[in-house]
N, C-alpha and C. Protein backbone atom coordinates (compact mmCIF):
# COMPACT_ATOMS: atom_id res chain seq x y z
N MET A 1 158.15 -106.38 -136.33
CA MET A 1 156.88 -106.27 -137.01
C MET A 1 156.68 -107.53 -137.85
N LEU A 2 155.56 -108.19 -137.66
CA LEU A 2 155.25 -109.41 -138.38
C LEU A 2 154.02 -109.19 -139.24
N VAL A 3 154.04 -109.73 -140.44
CA VAL A 3 152.90 -109.59 -141.34
C VAL A 3 152.45 -110.99 -141.75
N GLN A 4 151.15 -111.20 -141.74
CA GLN A 4 150.61 -112.50 -142.12
C GLN A 4 149.32 -112.27 -142.90
N GLN A 5 149.08 -113.07 -143.90
CA GLN A 5 147.83 -113.00 -144.64
C GLN A 5 147.18 -114.38 -144.58
N PHE A 6 145.89 -114.40 -144.30
CA PHE A 6 145.18 -115.67 -144.39
C PHE A 6 143.77 -115.42 -144.89
N TYR A 7 143.09 -116.50 -145.26
CA TYR A 7 141.81 -116.39 -145.95
C TYR A 7 140.78 -117.29 -145.30
N THR A 8 139.54 -116.93 -145.47
CA THR A 8 138.45 -117.86 -145.24
C THR A 8 137.65 -117.90 -146.53
N ILE A 9 137.29 -119.07 -146.97
CA ILE A 9 136.58 -119.22 -148.25
C ILE A 9 135.22 -119.83 -147.97
N ASN A 10 134.17 -119.16 -148.41
CA ASN A 10 132.81 -119.67 -148.26
C ASN A 10 132.35 -120.16 -149.62
N LYS A 11 132.28 -121.46 -149.78
CA LYS A 11 131.84 -122.01 -151.05
C LYS A 11 130.32 -122.17 -151.05
N LYS A 12 129.79 -122.27 -152.25
CA LYS A 12 128.35 -122.45 -152.43
C LYS A 12 127.58 -121.38 -151.66
N TYR A 13 127.91 -120.14 -151.97
CA TYR A 13 127.31 -119.00 -151.28
C TYR A 13 125.78 -119.01 -151.36
N SER A 14 125.23 -119.52 -152.45
CA SER A 14 123.78 -119.49 -152.62
C SER A 14 123.06 -120.55 -151.78
N MET A 15 123.79 -121.51 -151.27
CA MET A 15 123.19 -122.56 -150.44
C MET A 15 122.94 -122.02 -149.04
N PRO A 16 122.04 -122.66 -148.28
CA PRO A 16 121.88 -122.25 -146.88
C PRO A 16 123.24 -122.40 -146.20
N PHE A 17 123.59 -121.46 -145.38
CA PHE A 17 124.91 -121.54 -144.78
C PHE A 17 124.85 -121.22 -143.31
N TYR A 18 125.97 -121.49 -142.67
CA TYR A 18 126.07 -121.29 -141.24
C TYR A 18 126.03 -119.81 -140.91
N GLU A 19 125.63 -119.52 -139.70
CA GLU A 19 125.59 -118.13 -139.25
C GLU A 19 126.99 -117.56 -139.15
N ARG A 20 127.96 -118.41 -138.85
CA ARG A 20 129.33 -117.94 -138.61
C ARG A 20 130.34 -118.93 -139.19
N TYR A 21 131.36 -118.38 -139.83
CA TYR A 21 132.49 -119.18 -140.32
C TYR A 21 133.75 -118.67 -139.64
N THR A 22 134.66 -119.57 -139.34
CA THR A 22 135.97 -119.17 -138.82
C THR A 22 137.05 -119.82 -139.67
N SER A 23 138.13 -119.09 -139.85
CA SER A 23 139.27 -119.61 -140.60
C SER A 23 140.04 -120.58 -139.72
N ASP A 24 141.01 -121.25 -140.32
CA ASP A 24 141.96 -122.02 -139.53
C ASP A 24 142.74 -121.03 -138.67
N VAL A 25 143.18 -121.49 -137.52
CA VAL A 25 143.97 -120.64 -136.62
C VAL A 25 145.36 -120.46 -137.21
N GLN A 26 145.83 -119.21 -137.21
CA GLN A 26 147.16 -118.87 -137.71
C GLN A 26 147.99 -118.33 -136.55
N THR A 27 149.22 -118.80 -136.42
CA THR A 27 150.12 -118.30 -135.39
C THR A 27 151.02 -117.24 -136.00
N ILE A 28 151.01 -116.07 -135.38
CA ILE A 28 151.85 -114.95 -135.81
C ILE A 28 152.57 -114.45 -134.57
N GLY A 29 153.88 -114.58 -134.56
CA GLY A 29 154.63 -114.23 -133.36
C GLY A 29 154.23 -115.16 -132.24
N ASP A 30 153.87 -114.59 -131.10
CA ASP A 30 153.43 -115.37 -129.95
C ASP A 30 151.92 -115.52 -129.88
N SER A 31 151.20 -115.03 -130.87
CA SER A 31 149.74 -114.98 -130.80
C SER A 31 149.10 -115.86 -131.86
N LYS A 32 147.91 -116.36 -131.53
CA LYS A 32 147.12 -117.16 -132.46
C LYS A 32 145.88 -116.37 -132.84
N TRP A 33 145.57 -116.37 -134.14
CA TRP A 33 144.50 -115.54 -134.68
C TRP A 33 143.55 -116.36 -135.54
N GLU A 34 142.30 -115.88 -135.63
CA GLU A 34 141.35 -116.46 -136.56
C GLU A 34 140.51 -115.34 -137.17
N LEU A 35 140.10 -115.56 -138.38
CA LEU A 35 139.21 -114.65 -139.08
C LEU A 35 137.79 -115.18 -138.89
N ILE A 36 136.88 -114.32 -138.47
CA ILE A 36 135.50 -114.71 -138.19
C ILE A 36 134.59 -113.94 -139.15
N VAL A 37 133.77 -114.69 -139.89
CA VAL A 37 132.90 -114.08 -140.90
C VAL A 37 131.45 -114.49 -140.64
N TYR A 38 130.59 -113.50 -140.61
CA TYR A 38 129.14 -113.71 -140.52
C TYR A 38 128.56 -113.34 -141.88
N PRO A 39 128.27 -114.33 -142.74
CA PRO A 39 127.84 -114.04 -144.11
C PRO A 39 126.56 -113.20 -144.21
N ARG A 40 125.70 -113.30 -143.23
CA ARG A 40 124.46 -112.52 -143.24
C ARG A 40 124.45 -111.48 -142.12
N GLY A 41 125.63 -111.14 -141.62
CA GLY A 41 125.75 -110.10 -140.61
C GLY A 41 125.45 -110.57 -139.20
N ILE A 42 125.73 -109.69 -138.25
CA ILE A 42 125.49 -109.96 -136.84
C ILE A 42 125.03 -108.66 -136.18
N GLY A 43 124.23 -108.79 -135.14
CA GLY A 43 123.76 -107.61 -134.40
C GLY A 43 122.99 -106.66 -135.30
N THR A 44 123.38 -105.39 -135.28
CA THR A 44 122.68 -104.37 -136.07
C THR A 44 122.84 -104.57 -137.58
N ALA A 45 123.76 -105.42 -137.98
CA ALA A 45 123.98 -105.68 -139.41
C ALA A 45 123.29 -106.97 -139.89
N LYS A 46 122.56 -107.64 -139.00
CA LYS A 46 121.90 -108.90 -139.35
C LYS A 46 120.99 -108.71 -140.56
N ASN A 47 121.20 -109.53 -141.59
CA ASN A 47 120.45 -109.50 -142.85
C ASN A 47 120.62 -108.19 -143.62
N ILE A 48 121.67 -107.42 -143.29
CA ILE A 48 121.95 -106.16 -143.95
C ILE A 48 123.34 -106.14 -144.58
N ALA A 49 124.33 -106.72 -143.87
CA ALA A 49 125.72 -106.61 -144.33
C ALA A 49 126.53 -107.83 -143.93
N LEU A 50 127.63 -108.03 -144.63
CA LEU A 50 128.63 -109.03 -144.26
C LEU A 50 129.40 -108.46 -143.07
N SER A 51 129.54 -109.25 -142.01
CA SER A 51 130.30 -108.83 -140.83
C SER A 51 131.59 -109.64 -140.76
N VAL A 52 132.71 -108.97 -140.49
CA VAL A 52 134.03 -109.62 -140.47
C VAL A 52 134.80 -109.15 -139.24
N PHE A 53 135.41 -110.12 -138.54
CA PHE A 53 136.15 -109.81 -137.32
C PHE A 53 137.46 -110.58 -137.26
N LEU A 54 138.42 -110.03 -136.55
CA LEU A 54 139.67 -110.70 -136.24
C LEU A 54 139.61 -111.10 -134.78
N GLY A 55 139.88 -112.37 -134.49
CA GLY A 55 139.82 -112.85 -133.12
C GLY A 55 141.17 -113.32 -132.62
N LEU A 56 141.49 -112.96 -131.39
CA LEU A 56 142.70 -113.45 -130.72
C LEU A 56 142.33 -114.74 -130.02
N VAL A 57 142.89 -115.85 -130.48
CA VAL A 57 142.61 -117.17 -129.93
C VAL A 57 143.45 -117.35 -128.67
N GLU A 58 142.89 -117.98 -127.67
CA GLU A 58 143.57 -118.25 -126.40
C GLU A 58 143.98 -116.96 -125.69
N ALA A 59 143.17 -115.93 -125.82
CA ALA A 59 143.46 -114.64 -125.17
C ALA A 59 143.54 -114.80 -123.65
N GLN A 60 142.82 -115.77 -123.12
CA GLN A 60 142.84 -115.99 -121.67
C GLN A 60 144.22 -116.41 -121.18
N LYS A 61 145.11 -116.80 -122.08
CA LYS A 61 146.47 -117.20 -121.70
C LYS A 61 147.43 -116.01 -121.61
N LEU A 62 146.94 -114.81 -121.96
CA LEU A 62 147.79 -113.63 -121.81
C LEU A 62 148.11 -113.43 -120.33
N PRO A 63 149.31 -112.94 -120.02
CA PRO A 63 149.62 -112.66 -118.62
C PRO A 63 148.72 -111.54 -118.09
N PRO A 64 148.61 -111.41 -116.76
CA PRO A 64 147.80 -110.32 -116.21
C PRO A 64 148.21 -108.98 -116.82
N LYS A 65 147.24 -108.22 -117.23
CA LYS A 65 147.43 -106.91 -117.88
C LYS A 65 148.18 -107.00 -119.21
N GLY A 66 148.37 -108.21 -119.73
CA GLY A 66 149.03 -108.38 -121.02
C GLY A 66 148.08 -107.98 -122.15
N LYS A 67 148.65 -107.52 -123.24
CA LYS A 67 147.84 -107.13 -124.39
C LYS A 67 148.67 -107.21 -125.66
N VAL A 68 147.98 -107.31 -126.78
CA VAL A 68 148.62 -107.40 -128.09
C VAL A 68 148.00 -106.31 -128.96
N TYR A 69 148.86 -105.46 -129.53
CA TYR A 69 148.40 -104.42 -130.46
C TYR A 69 148.59 -104.94 -131.87
N ALA A 70 147.53 -104.87 -132.66
CA ALA A 70 147.61 -105.34 -134.04
C ALA A 70 146.91 -104.35 -134.97
N LYS A 71 147.51 -104.15 -136.11
CA LYS A 71 146.86 -103.42 -137.20
C LYS A 71 146.43 -104.49 -138.19
N TYR A 72 145.22 -104.37 -138.71
CA TYR A 72 144.71 -105.41 -139.60
C TYR A 72 143.91 -104.79 -140.73
N LYS A 73 143.81 -105.56 -141.80
CA LYS A 73 143.04 -105.14 -142.98
C LYS A 73 142.23 -106.32 -143.47
N PHE A 74 140.94 -106.10 -143.69
CA PHE A 74 140.06 -107.09 -144.30
C PHE A 74 139.82 -106.67 -145.74
N ARG A 75 139.61 -107.68 -146.60
CA ARG A 75 139.44 -107.38 -148.02
C ARG A 75 138.50 -108.40 -148.66
N VAL A 76 137.61 -107.89 -149.51
CA VAL A 76 136.82 -108.73 -150.42
C VAL A 76 137.12 -108.18 -151.80
N ARG A 77 137.71 -109.01 -152.65
CA ARG A 77 138.15 -108.56 -153.97
C ARG A 77 137.05 -108.65 -155.02
N ASP A 78 137.11 -107.71 -155.92
CA ASP A 78 136.33 -107.75 -157.15
C ASP A 78 137.10 -108.68 -158.08
N SER A 79 136.55 -109.82 -158.40
CA SER A 79 137.26 -110.82 -159.21
C SER A 79 137.40 -110.42 -160.67
N PHE A 80 136.63 -109.44 -161.13
CA PHE A 80 136.70 -109.02 -162.53
C PHE A 80 137.77 -107.97 -162.74
N ASN A 81 137.84 -107.01 -161.86
CA ASN A 81 138.87 -105.97 -161.87
C ASN A 81 138.91 -105.38 -160.47
N SER A 82 139.77 -104.45 -160.21
CA SER A 82 139.92 -103.96 -158.84
C SER A 82 139.01 -102.78 -158.49
N ILE A 83 138.15 -102.39 -159.40
CA ILE A 83 137.32 -101.21 -159.18
C ILE A 83 136.47 -101.33 -157.92
N ASN A 84 135.88 -102.48 -157.69
CA ASN A 84 134.95 -102.66 -156.58
C ASN A 84 135.56 -103.33 -155.35
N THR A 85 136.86 -103.59 -155.35
CA THR A 85 137.48 -104.23 -154.19
C THR A 85 137.19 -103.41 -152.94
N ARG A 86 136.75 -104.08 -151.88
CA ARG A 86 136.43 -103.41 -150.61
C ARG A 86 137.47 -103.77 -149.57
N GLU A 87 137.92 -102.77 -148.81
CA GLU A 87 138.89 -102.99 -147.75
C GLU A 87 138.45 -102.23 -146.50
N PHE A 88 138.85 -102.75 -145.37
CA PHE A 88 138.62 -102.11 -144.08
C PHE A 88 139.90 -102.27 -143.28
N THR A 89 140.49 -101.17 -142.84
CA THR A 89 141.72 -101.20 -142.06
C THR A 89 141.46 -100.58 -140.70
N ASP A 90 141.99 -101.22 -139.66
CA ASP A 90 141.83 -100.70 -138.31
C ASP A 90 142.96 -101.26 -137.45
N SER A 91 142.99 -100.83 -136.22
CA SER A 91 143.96 -101.36 -135.26
C SER A 91 143.29 -101.42 -133.90
N ALA A 92 143.80 -102.28 -133.03
CA ALA A 92 143.19 -102.44 -131.72
C ALA A 92 144.16 -103.10 -130.76
N TRP A 93 143.90 -102.88 -129.48
CA TRP A 93 144.59 -103.60 -128.42
C TRP A 93 143.72 -104.79 -128.04
N PHE A 94 144.22 -105.98 -128.23
CA PHE A 94 143.52 -107.20 -127.86
C PHE A 94 143.96 -107.60 -126.45
N THR A 95 143.00 -107.95 -125.60
CA THR A 95 143.30 -108.36 -124.23
C THR A 95 142.48 -109.61 -123.91
N ALA A 96 142.61 -110.09 -122.68
CA ALA A 96 141.84 -111.27 -122.27
C ALA A 96 140.34 -110.99 -122.31
N SER A 97 139.95 -109.73 -122.15
CA SER A 97 138.52 -109.40 -122.17
C SER A 97 138.06 -108.74 -123.47
N ALA A 98 138.98 -108.34 -124.31
CA ALA A 98 138.66 -107.74 -125.62
C ALA A 98 139.36 -108.57 -126.69
N ILE A 99 138.70 -109.67 -127.10
CA ILE A 99 139.38 -110.67 -127.93
C ILE A 99 139.08 -110.57 -129.42
N GLY A 100 138.14 -109.69 -129.81
CA GLY A 100 137.81 -109.60 -131.22
C GLY A 100 137.41 -108.20 -131.64
N PHE A 101 137.87 -107.81 -132.82
CA PHE A 101 137.54 -106.50 -133.37
C PHE A 101 137.32 -106.65 -134.87
N GLY A 102 136.54 -105.73 -135.44
CA GLY A 102 136.32 -105.78 -136.87
C GLY A 102 135.22 -104.85 -137.30
N SER A 103 134.45 -105.29 -138.30
CA SER A 103 133.41 -104.45 -138.90
C SER A 103 132.11 -105.23 -139.03
N ARG A 104 131.06 -104.75 -138.35
CA ARG A 104 129.74 -105.36 -138.50
C ARG A 104 129.16 -105.08 -139.88
N HIS A 105 129.45 -103.90 -140.41
CA HIS A 105 128.89 -103.46 -141.70
C HIS A 105 130.00 -103.39 -142.75
N PHE A 106 130.71 -104.51 -142.96
CA PHE A 106 131.85 -104.50 -143.88
C PHE A 106 131.42 -104.18 -145.31
N ILE A 107 130.40 -104.86 -145.79
CA ILE A 107 129.87 -104.60 -147.14
C ILE A 107 128.40 -105.01 -147.12
N SER A 108 127.56 -104.19 -147.73
CA SER A 108 126.13 -104.50 -147.72
C SER A 108 125.87 -105.79 -148.49
N LEU A 109 124.86 -106.53 -148.06
CA LEU A 109 124.51 -107.77 -148.76
C LEU A 109 124.05 -107.46 -150.18
N ARG A 110 123.44 -106.31 -150.37
CA ARG A 110 123.00 -105.91 -151.72
C ARG A 110 124.22 -105.79 -152.65
N ASP A 111 125.26 -105.08 -152.20
CA ASP A 111 126.47 -104.95 -153.02
C ASP A 111 127.17 -106.30 -153.18
N LEU A 112 127.25 -107.04 -152.09
CA LEU A 112 127.94 -108.33 -152.11
C LEU A 112 127.32 -109.27 -153.14
N GLN A 113 126.01 -109.28 -153.23
CA GLN A 113 125.31 -110.21 -154.11
C GLN A 113 125.09 -109.66 -155.52
N ASP A 114 125.52 -108.44 -155.78
CA ASP A 114 125.41 -107.84 -157.11
C ASP A 114 126.46 -108.51 -158.02
N ARG A 115 126.01 -109.34 -158.93
CA ARG A 115 126.93 -110.12 -159.78
C ARG A 115 127.89 -109.26 -160.59
N SER A 116 127.47 -108.06 -160.94
CA SER A 116 128.33 -107.20 -161.76
C SER A 116 129.55 -106.70 -160.99
N LYS A 117 129.53 -106.81 -159.67
CA LYS A 117 130.65 -106.31 -158.86
C LYS A 117 131.72 -107.38 -158.63
N GLY A 118 131.42 -108.63 -158.93
CA GLY A 118 132.44 -109.67 -158.93
C GLY A 118 132.91 -110.18 -157.58
N TYR A 119 132.14 -109.97 -156.52
CA TYR A 119 132.56 -110.47 -155.21
C TYR A 119 132.33 -111.97 -155.07
N ILE A 120 131.22 -112.44 -155.62
CA ILE A 120 130.90 -113.86 -155.58
C ILE A 120 131.01 -114.40 -157.00
N VAL A 121 131.98 -115.28 -157.21
CA VAL A 121 132.23 -115.86 -158.53
C VAL A 121 132.24 -117.37 -158.38
N ASN A 122 131.57 -118.05 -159.30
CA ASN A 122 131.43 -119.51 -159.21
C ASN A 122 130.89 -119.91 -157.84
N ASP A 123 129.97 -119.09 -157.34
CA ASP A 123 129.29 -119.34 -156.07
C ASP A 123 130.26 -119.34 -154.88
N THR A 124 131.38 -118.64 -155.00
CA THR A 124 132.40 -118.61 -153.94
C THR A 124 132.73 -117.17 -153.56
N LEU A 125 132.78 -116.93 -152.26
CA LEU A 125 133.19 -115.65 -151.71
C LEU A 125 134.51 -115.85 -150.98
N ILE A 126 135.49 -115.00 -151.25
CA ILE A 126 136.78 -115.08 -150.55
C ILE A 126 136.96 -113.80 -149.74
N VAL A 127 137.18 -113.98 -148.45
CA VAL A 127 137.47 -112.86 -147.55
C VAL A 127 138.93 -113.01 -147.13
N GLU A 128 139.71 -111.94 -147.27
CA GLU A 128 141.13 -111.96 -146.93
C GLU A 128 141.37 -111.09 -145.70
N ALA A 129 142.41 -111.44 -144.95
CA ALA A 129 142.83 -110.62 -143.82
C ALA A 129 144.34 -110.52 -143.83
N ASP A 130 144.84 -109.30 -143.65
CA ASP A 130 146.27 -109.06 -143.43
C ASP A 130 146.41 -108.60 -141.99
N ILE A 131 147.39 -109.11 -141.28
CA ILE A 131 147.63 -108.71 -139.90
C ILE A 131 149.07 -108.25 -139.77
N ILE A 132 149.22 -107.08 -139.17
CA ILE A 132 150.55 -106.57 -138.85
C ILE A 132 150.59 -106.42 -137.33
N ILE A 133 151.34 -107.27 -136.67
CA ILE A 133 151.45 -107.17 -135.22
C ILE A 133 152.53 -106.15 -134.92
N VAL A 134 152.14 -105.13 -134.22
CA VAL A 134 153.07 -104.06 -133.92
C VAL A 134 153.70 -104.25 -132.56
N SER A 135 152.94 -104.77 -131.59
CA SER A 135 153.49 -104.82 -130.24
C SER A 135 152.80 -105.87 -129.38
N ASN A 136 153.57 -106.60 -128.61
CA ASN A 136 153.08 -107.46 -127.54
C ASN A 136 153.52 -106.82 -126.24
N VAL A 137 152.60 -106.60 -125.32
CA VAL A 137 152.94 -106.03 -124.02
C VAL A 137 152.65 -107.08 -122.97
N LYS A 138 153.65 -107.41 -122.19
CA LYS A 138 153.50 -108.39 -121.12
C LYS A 138 153.88 -107.71 -119.81
N LEU A 139 152.88 -107.48 -118.97
CA LEU A 139 153.12 -106.86 -117.68
C LEU A 139 152.90 -107.89 -116.59
N PHE A 140 153.86 -108.09 -115.78
CA PHE A 140 153.75 -109.03 -114.67
C PHE A 140 153.80 -108.22 -113.38
N LEU A 141 152.65 -107.91 -112.82
CA LEU A 141 152.59 -107.10 -111.61
C LEU A 141 152.12 -107.91 -110.44
């Protein structure tokens, strides 16, 4: 079991920003991962919520029928105290055709931008991800 934590930091939150941010790629075990953040949401969450996903990088390099099972947790901390800290925990099997999982509606933009909740401080939002890789399955048929 391997555990890794990495972050993506969006500075100058009030400035016009990109539709999508990705973290640096992190290698955990035999797999490479990235955190993908849509500051203004994606799909049904567009302009409604912060969307956050975990992506398996180079998934096409998995062997036929290969898959990686991972448990992950996303977090946006309340910088003033822990009362408003938001977390989302899930698990998934990542494959060559299912390379990303997460939450479209991680936190509403209304809550995110509420200064009293402490998510954006000094115009900076920090999104954290913890990954626990439970299993790599490699089937060669």
